[in-house]
PDB file of all heavy atoms in Angstrom:
ATOM      1  N   ASP A   1      10.343  39.871 -12.075  1.00  0.00           N
ATOM      2  CA  ASP A   1      11.114  41.107 -12.266  1.00  0.00           C
ATOM      3  C   ASP A   1      10.502  42.265 -11.483  1.00  0.00           C
ATOM      4  O   ASP A   1      11.225  43.104 -10.908  1.00  0.00           O
ATOM      5  CB  ASP A   1      11.159  41.467 -13.757  1.00  0.00           C
ATOM      6  CG  ASP A   1      11.985  40.471 -14.553  1.00  0.00           C
ATOM      7  OD1 ASP A   1      12.747  39.711 -13.934  1.00  0.00           O
ATOM      8  OD2 ASP A   1      11.844  40.447 -15.799  1.00  0.00           O
ATOM      9  N   LEU A   2       9.170  42.313 -11.443  1.00  0.00           N
ATOM     10  CA  LEU A   2       8.502  43.384 -10.681  1.00  0.00           C
ATOM     11  C   LEU A   2       8.740  43.223  -9.183  1.00  0.00           C
ATOM     12  O   LEU A   2       8.843  44.222  -8.454  1.00  0.00           O
ATOM     13  CB  LEU A   2       7.001  43.385 -10.993  1.00  0.00           C
ATOM     14  CG  LEU A   2       6.610  43.794 -12.426  1.00  0.00           C
ATOM     15  CD1 LEU A   2       5.103  43.665 -12.619  1.00  0.00           C
ATOM     16  CD2 LEU A   2       7.053  45.237 -12.712  1.00  0.00           C
ATOM     17  N   ASP A   3       8.816  41.972  -8.734  1.00  0.00           N
ATOM     18  CA  ASP A   3       9.136  41.745  -7.312  1.00  0.00           C
ATOM     19  C   ASP A   3      10.530  42.301  -6.979  1.00  0.00           C
ATOM     20  O   ASP A   3      10.744  42.902  -5.918  1.00  0.00           O
ATOM     21  CB  ASP A   3       9.088  40.245  -7.000  1.00  0.00           C
ATOM     22  CG  ASP A   3       7.662  39.714  -7.010  1.00  0.00           C
ATOM     23  OD1 ASP A   3       6.715  40.520  -6.856  1.00  0.00           O
ATOM     24  OD2 ASP A   3       7.481  38.485  -7.166  1.00  0.00           O
ATOM     25  N   GLU A   4      11.462  42.111  -7.916  1.00  0.00           N
ATOM     26  CA  GLU A   4      12.819  42.645  -7.705  1.00  0.00           C
ATOM     27  C   GLU A   4      12.800  44.175  -7.696  1.00  0.00           C
ATOM     28  O   GLU A   4      13.503  44.815  -6.896  1.00  0.00           O
ATOM     29  CB  GLU A   4      13.750  42.134  -8.805  1.00  0.00           C
ATOM     30  CG  GLU A   4      13.974  40.626  -8.765  1.00  0.00           C
ATOM     31  CD  GLU A   4      14.839  40.143  -9.913  1.00  0.00           C
ATOM     32  OE1 GLU A   4      15.281  41.002 -10.715  1.00  0.00           O
ATOM     33  OE2 GLU A   4      15.070  38.910 -10.027  1.00  0.00           O
ATOM     34  N   ALA A   5      11.996  44.771  -8.588  1.00  0.00           N
ATOM     35  CA  ALA A   5      11.894  46.231  -8.615  1.00  0.00           C
ATOM     36  C   ALA A   5      11.282  46.754  -7.325  1.00  0.00           C
ATOM     37  O   ALA A   5      11.699  47.808  -6.798  1.00  0.00           O
ATOM     38  CB  ALA A   5      11.054  46.670  -9.817  1.00  0.00           C
ATOM     39  N   GLU A   6      10.297  46.039  -6.782  1.00  0.00           N
ATOM     40  CA  GLU A   6       9.677  46.466  -5.519  1.00  0.00           C
ATOM     41  C   GLU A   6      10.681  46.408  -4.365  1.00  0.00           C
ATOM     42  O   GLU A   6      10.737  47.299  -3.517  1.00  0.00           O
ATOM     43  CB  GLU A   6       8.473  45.570  -5.215  1.00  0.00           C
ATOM     44  CG  GLU A   6       7.716  45.990  -3.961  1.00  0.00           C
ATOM     45  CD  GLU A   6       6.500  45.114  -3.703  1.00  0.00           C
ATOM     46  OE1 GLU A   6       6.386  44.027  -4.317  1.00  0.00           O
ATOM     47  OE2 GLU A   6       5.643  45.514  -2.885  1.00  0.00           O
ATOM     48  N   ALA A   7      11.514  45.344  -4.364  1.00  0.00           N
ATOM     49  CA  ALA A   7      12.535  45.229  -3.306  1.00  0.00           C
ATOM     50  C   ALA A   7      13.593  46.329  -3.459  1.00  0.00           C
ATOM     51  O   ALA A   7      14.083  46.877  -2.467  1.00  0.00           O
ATOM     52  CB  ALA A   7      13.181  43.840  -3.370  1.00  0.00           C
ATOM     53  N   LEU A   8      13.907  46.665  -4.694  1.00  0.00           N
ATOM     54  CA  LEU A   8      14.916  47.700  -4.946  1.00  0.00           C
ATOM     55  C   LEU A   8      14.420  49.080  -4.538  1.00  0.00           C
ATOM     56  O   LEU A   8      15.227  49.962  -4.185  1.00  0.00           O
ATOM     57  CB  LEU A   8      15.291  47.677  -6.434  1.00  0.00           C
ATOM     58  CG  LEU A   8      16.387  48.632  -6.890  1.00  0.00           C
ATOM     59  CD1 LEU A   8      17.715  48.310  -6.194  1.00  0.00           C
ATOM     60  CD2 LEU A   8      16.557  48.534  -8.410  1.00  0.00           C
ATOM     61  N   MET A   9      13.078  49.277  -4.535  1.00  0.00           N
ATOM     62  CA  MET A   9      12.512  50.585  -4.259  1.00  0.00           C
ATOM     63  C   MET A   9      12.831  51.060  -2.833  1.00  0.00           C
ATOM     64  O   MET A   9      12.977  52.255  -2.569  1.00  0.00           O
ATOM     65  CB  MET A   9      10.991  50.559  -4.475  1.00  0.00           C
ATOM     66  CG  MET A   9      10.376  51.952  -4.603  1.00  0.00           C
ATOM     67  SD  MET A   9       8.620  51.867  -4.936  1.00  0.00           S
ATOM     68  CE  MET A   9       8.572  50.856  -6.396  1.00  0.00           C
ATOM     69  N   LEU A  10      12.994  50.159  -1.907  1.00  0.00           N
ATOM     70  CA  LEU A  10      13.278  50.536  -0.521  1.00  0.00           C
ATOM     71  C   LEU A  10      14.688  51.112  -0.375  1.00  0.00           C
ATOM     72  O   LEU A  10      14.918  52.047   0.399  1.00  0.00           O
ATOM     73  CB  LEU A  10      13.110  49.314   0.386  1.00  0.00           C
ATOM     74  CG  LEU A  10      11.695  48.724   0.451  1.00  0.00           C
ATOM     75  CD1 LEU A  10      11.690  47.444   1.276  1.00  0.00           C
ATOM     76  CD2 LEU A  10      10.731  49.749   1.034  1.00  0.00           C
ATOM     77  N   SER A  11      15.643  50.550  -1.144  1.00  0.00           N
ATOM     78  CA  SER A  11      17.030  51.001  -1.006  1.00  0.00           C
ATOM     79  C   SER A  11      17.415  52.053  -2.041  1.00  0.00           C
ATOM     80  O   SER A  11      18.223  52.951  -1.764  1.00  0.00           O
ATOM     81  CB  SER A  11      17.971  49.798  -1.125  1.00  0.00           C
ATOM     82  OG  SER A  11      17.776  49.148  -2.375  1.00  0.00           O
ATOM     83  N   ASP A  12      16.837  51.966  -3.234  1.00  0.00           N
ATOM     84  CA  ASP A  12      17.210  52.890  -4.309  1.00  0.00           C
ATOM     85  C   ASP A  12      15.983  53.180  -5.182  1.00  0.00           C
ATOM     86  O   ASP A  12      15.800  52.561  -6.235  1.00  0.00           O
ATOM     87  CB  ASP A  12      18.331  52.270  -5.142  1.00  0.00           C
ATOM     88  CG  ASP A  12      18.979  53.287  -6.085  1.00  0.00           C
ATOM     89  OD1 ASP A  12      18.407  54.392  -6.239  1.00  0.00           O
ATOM     90  OD2 ASP A  12      20.018  52.963  -6.689  1.00  0.00           O
ATOM     91  N   PRO A  13      15.131  54.131  -4.758  1.00  0.00           N
ATOM     92  CA  PRO A  13      13.908  54.435  -5.530  1.00  0.00           C
ATOM     93  C   PRO A  13      14.202  54.869  -6.959  1.00  0.00           C
ATOM     94  O   PRO A  13      13.445  54.565  -7.869  1.00  0.00           O
ATOM     95  CB  PRO A  13      13.259  55.565  -4.736  1.00  0.00           C
ATOM     96  CG  PRO A  13      13.829  55.465  -3.363  1.00  0.00           C
ATOM     97  CD  PRO A  13      15.222  54.938  -3.527  1.00  0.00           C
ATOM     98  N   GLY A  14      15.333  55.565  -7.164  1.00  0.00           N
ATOM     99  CA  GLY A  14      15.672  56.019  -8.505  1.00  0.00           C
ATOM    100  C   GLY A  14      15.950  54.852  -9.440  1.00  0.00           C
ATOM    101  O   GLY A  14      15.513  54.831 -10.605  1.00  0.00           O
ATOM    102  N   ALA A  15      16.695  53.853  -8.947  1.00  0.00           N
ATOM    103  CA  ALA A  15      16.996  52.673  -9.759  1.00  0.00           C
ATOM    104  C   ALA A  15      15.723  51.875 -10.043  1.00  0.00           C
ATOM    105  O   ALA A  15      15.537  51.338 -11.151  1.00  0.00           O
ATOM    106  CB  ALA A  15      18.027  51.794  -9.046  1.00  0.00           C
ATOM    107  N   ALA A  16      14.843  51.804  -9.029  1.00  0.00           N
ATOM    108  CA  ALA A  16      13.573  51.101  -9.230  1.00  0.00           C
ATOM    109  C   ALA A  16      12.746  51.801 -10.300  1.00  0.00           C
ATOM    110  O   ALA A  16      12.136  51.161 -11.166  1.00  0.00           O
ATOM    111  CB  ALA A  16      12.796  51.025  -7.915  1.00  0.00           C
ATOM    112  N   MET A  17      12.736  53.152 -10.261  1.00  0.00           N
ATOM    113  CA  MET A  17      12.000  53.925 -11.252  1.00  0.00           C
ATOM    114  C   MET A  17      12.574  53.680 -12.645  1.00  0.00           C
ATOM    115  O   MET A  17      11.823  53.528 -13.627  1.00  0.00           O
ATOM    116  CB  MET A  17      12.085  55.405 -10.902  1.00  0.00           C
ATOM    117  CG  MET A  17      11.228  56.294 -11.765  1.00  0.00           C
ATOM    118  SD  MET A  17       9.499  56.069 -11.339  1.00  0.00           S
ATOM    119  CE  MET A  17       8.735  57.071 -12.605  1.00  0.00           C
ATOM    120  N   GLU A  18      13.890  53.637 -12.730  1.00  0.00           N
ATOM    121  CA  GLU A  18      14.532  53.419 -14.013  1.00  0.00           C
ATOM    122  C   GLU A  18      14.180  52.036 -14.569  1.00  0.00           C
ATOM    123  O   GLU A  18      13.909  51.878 -15.767  1.00  0.00           O
ATOM    124  CB  GLU A  18      16.054  53.559 -13.850  1.00  0.00           C
ATOM    125  CG  GLU A  18      16.812  53.428 -15.170  1.00  0.00           C
ATOM    126  CD  GLU A  18      18.316  53.635 -14.991  1.00  0.00           C
ATOM    127  OE1 GLU A  18      18.728  53.987 -13.859  1.00  0.00           O
ATOM    128  OE2 GLU A  18      19.054  53.427 -15.967  1.00  0.00           O
ATOM    129  N   ARG A  19      14.175  51.029 -13.676  1.00  0.00           N
ATOM    130  CA  ARG A  19      13.819  49.680 -14.124  1.00  0.00           C
ATOM    131  C   ARG A  19      12.369  49.613 -14.610  1.00  0.00           C
ATOM    132  O   ARG A  19      12.074  48.985 -15.636  1.00  0.00           O
ATOM    133  CB  ARG A  19      14.049  48.676 -12.998  1.00  0.00           C
ATOM    134  CG  ARG A  19      13.632  47.269 -13.363  1.00  0.00           C
ATOM    135  CD  ARG A  19      14.019  46.256 -12.331  1.00  0.00           C
ATOM    136  NE  ARG A  19      15.460  46.064 -12.279  1.00  0.00           N
ATOM    137  CZ  ARG A  19      16.055  45.040 -11.650  1.00  0.00           C
ATOM    138  NH1 ARG A  19      15.319  44.140 -11.021  1.00  0.00           N
ATOM    139  NH2 ARG A  19      17.359  44.936 -11.636  1.00  0.00           N
ATOM    140  N   LEU A  20      11.478  50.278 -13.876  1.00  0.00           N
ATOM    141  CA  LEU A  20      10.055  50.262 -14.259  1.00  0.00           C
ATOM    142  C   LEU A  20       9.835  51.008 -15.568  1.00  0.00           C
ATOM    143  O   LEU A  20       8.953  50.646 -16.356  1.00  0.00           O
ATOM    144  CB  LEU A  20       9.203  50.873 -13.149  1.00  0.00           C
ATOM    145  CG  LEU A  20       9.130  50.052 -11.840  1.00  0.00           C
ATOM    146  CD1 LEU A  20       8.481  50.859 -10.726  1.00  0.00           C
ATOM    147  CD2 LEU A  20       8.350  48.754 -12.073  1.00  0.00           C
ATOM    148  N   ASN A  21      10.597  52.050 -15.807  1.00  0.00           N
ATOM    149  CA  ASN A  21      10.505  52.770 -17.076  1.00  0.00           C
ATOM    150  C   ASN A  21      11.069  51.947 -18.236  1.00  0.00           C
ATOM    151  O   ASN A  21      10.769  52.208 -19.398  1.00  0.00           O
ATOM    152  CB  ASN A  21      11.271  54.096 -16.992  1.00  0.00           C
ATOM    153  CG  ASN A  21      10.384  55.227 -16.473  1.00  0.00           C
ATOM    154  OD1 ASN A  21       9.220  55.331 -16.858  1.00  0.00           O
ATOM    155  ND2 ASN A  21      10.937  56.069 -15.608  1.00  0.00           N
ATOM    156  N   GLY A  22      11.891  50.967 -17.889  1.00  0.00           N
ATOM    157  CA  GLY A  22      12.521  50.162 -18.941  1.00  0.00           C
ATOM    158  C   GLY A  22      11.579  49.163 -19.593  1.00  0.00           C
ATOM    159  O   GLY A  22      11.899  48.593 -20.637  1.00  0.00           O
ATOM    160  N   TYR A  23      10.421  48.914 -19.007  1.00  0.00           N
ATOM    161  CA  TYR A  23       9.465  47.974 -19.607  1.00  0.00           C
ATOM    162  C   TYR A  23       8.688  48.641 -20.738  1.00  0.00           C
ATOM    163  O   TYR A  23       8.269  49.795 -20.620  1.00  0.00           O
ATOM    164  CB  TYR A  23       8.452  47.487 -18.567  1.00  0.00           C
ATOM    165  CG  TYR A  23       9.048  46.585 -17.505  1.00  0.00           C
ATOM    166  CD1 TYR A  23       9.204  47.035 -16.203  1.00  0.00           C
ATOM    167  CD2 TYR A  23       9.434  45.287 -17.822  1.00  0.00           C
ATOM    168  CE1 TYR A  23       9.740  46.221 -15.231  1.00  0.00           C
ATOM    169  CE2 TYR A  23       9.967  44.469 -16.850  1.00  0.00           C
ATOM    170  CZ  TYR A  23      10.125  44.932 -15.558  1.00  0.00           C
ATOM    171  OH  TYR A  23      10.661  44.122 -14.603  1.00  0.00           O
ATOM    172  N   ASP A  24       8.519  47.913 -21.806  1.00  0.00           N
ATOM    173  CA  ASP A  24       7.589  48.343 -22.866  1.00  0.00           C
ATOM    174  C   ASP A  24       6.231  47.717 -22.535  1.00  0.00           C
ATOM    175  O   ASP A  24       5.957  46.569 -22.891  1.00  0.00           O
ATOM    176  CB  ASP A  24       8.082  47.880 -24.239  1.00  0.00           C
ATOM    177  CG  ASP A  24       7.173  48.380 -25.366  1.00  0.00           C
ATOM    178  OD1 ASP A  24       6.166  49.055 -25.069  1.00  0.00           O
ATOM    179  OD2 ASP A  24       7.471  48.082 -26.535  1.00  0.00           O
ATOM    180  N   ILE A  25       5.407  48.473 -21.827  1.00  0.00           N
ATOM    181  CA  ILE A  25       4.162  47.884 -21.313  1.00  0.00           C
ATOM    182  C   ILE A  25       3.173  47.566 -22.435  1.00  0.00           C
ATOM    183  O   ILE A  25       2.179  46.865 -22.216  1.00  0.00           O
ATOM    184  CB  ILE A  25       3.505  48.805 -20.268  1.00  0.00           C
ATOM    185  CG1 ILE A  25       3.080  50.134 -20.902  1.00  0.00           C
ATOM    186  CG2 ILE A  25       4.452  49.033 -19.103  1.00  0.00           C
ATOM    187  CD1 ILE A  25       2.284  51.010 -19.945  1.00  0.00           C
ATOM    188  N   ALA A  26       3.435  48.085 -23.635  1.00  0.00           N
ATOM    189  CA  ALA A  26       2.570  47.734 -24.768  1.00  0.00           C
ATOM    190  C   ALA A  26       2.673  46.244 -25.101  1.00  0.00           C
ATOM    191  O   ALA A  26       1.777  45.683 -25.734  1.00  0.00           O
ATOM    192  CB  ALA A  26       2.938  48.562 -25.994  1.00  0.00           C
ATOM    193  N   GLU A  27       3.771  45.592 -24.631  1.00  0.00           N
ATOM    194  CA  GLU A  27       3.988  44.175 -24.921  1.00  0.00           C
ATOM    195  C   GLU A  27       3.471  43.262 -23.819  1.00  0.00           C
ATOM    196  O   GLU A  27       3.583  42.038 -23.930  1.00  0.00           O
ATOM    197  CB  GLU A  27       5.480  43.905 -25.143  1.00  0.00           C
ATOM    198  CG  GLU A  27       6.091  44.682 -26.305  1.00  0.00           C
ATOM    199  CD  GLU A  27       5.418  44.334 -27.629  1.00  0.00           C
ATOM    200  OE1 GLU A  27       5.076  43.146 -27.820  1.00  0.00           O
ATOM    201  OE2 GLU A  27       5.222  45.250 -28.451  1.00  0.00           O
ATOM    202  N   PHE A  28       2.931  43.834 -22.743  1.00  0.00           N
ATOM    203  CA  PHE A  28       2.380  42.993 -21.675  1.00  0.00           C
ATOM    204  C   PHE A  28       1.217  42.161 -22.237  1.00  0.00           C
ATOM    205  O   PHE A  28       0.494  42.590 -23.135  1.00  0.00           O
ATOM    206  CB  PHE A  28       1.885  43.844 -20.508  1.00  0.00           C
ATOM    207  CG  PHE A  28       2.987  44.398 -19.642  1.00  0.00           C
ATOM    208  CD1 PHE A  28       2.715  45.250 -18.589  1.00  0.00           C
ATOM    209  CD2 PHE A  28       4.314  44.077 -19.884  1.00  0.00           C
ATOM    210  CE1 PHE A  28       3.717  45.767 -17.793  1.00  0.00           C
ATOM    211  CE2 PHE A  28       5.331  44.585 -19.096  1.00  0.00           C
ATOM    212  CZ  PHE A  28       5.032  45.429 -18.049  1.00  0.00           C
ATOM    213  N   ASN A  29       1.059  40.966 -21.629  1.00  0.00           N
ATOM    214  CA  ASN A  29       0.005  40.064 -22.097  1.00  0.00           C
ATOM    215  C   ASN A  29      -1.017  39.716 -21.023  1.00  0.00           C
ATOM    216  O   ASN A  29      -1.842  38.819 -21.228  1.00  0.00           O
ATOM    217  CB  ASN A  29       0.625  38.751 -22.615  1.00  0.00           C
ATOM    218  CG  ASN A  29       1.428  38.960 -23.874  1.00  0.00           C
ATOM    219  OD1 ASN A  29       0.938  39.538 -24.842  1.00  0.00           O
ATOM    220  ND2 ASN A  29       2.681  38.508 -23.864  1.00  0.00           N
ATOM    221  N   ASP A  30      -0.952  40.416 -19.898  1.00  0.00           N
ATOM    222  CA  ASP A  30      -1.842  40.047 -18.806  1.00  0.00           C
ATOM    223  C   ASP A  30      -2.258  41.308 -18.043  1.00  0.00           C
ATOM    224  O   ASP A  30      -1.415  42.155 -17.736  1.00  0.00           O
ATOM    225  CB  ASP A  30      -1.124  39.065 -17.866  1.00  0.00           C
ATOM    226  CG  ASP A  30      -2.062  38.503 -16.824  1.00  0.00           C
ATOM    227  OD1 ASP A  30      -2.207  39.144 -15.767  1.00  0.00           O
ATOM    228  OD2 ASP A  30      -2.674  37.444 -17.077  1.00  0.00           O
ATOM    229  N   SER A  31      -3.538  41.427 -17.732  1.00  0.00           N
ATOM    230  CA  SER A  31      -4.028  42.610 -17.019  1.00  0.00           C
ATOM    231  C   SER A  31      -3.519  42.651 -15.584  1.00  0.00           C
ATOM    232  O   SER A  31      -3.338  43.735 -15.012  1.00  0.00           O
ATOM    233  CB  SER A  31      -5.564  42.637 -17.034  1.00  0.00           C
ATOM    234  OG  SER A  31      -6.097  41.447 -16.484  1.00  0.00           O
TER     235      SER A  31
END
């Protein structure tokens, strides 16, 4: 999913930002 957000950042930085804000990083399980 992060790879998709990185690809989206080149064409639509706002959409990429919105996608990255959509993650609840408190639930991540890997550093």
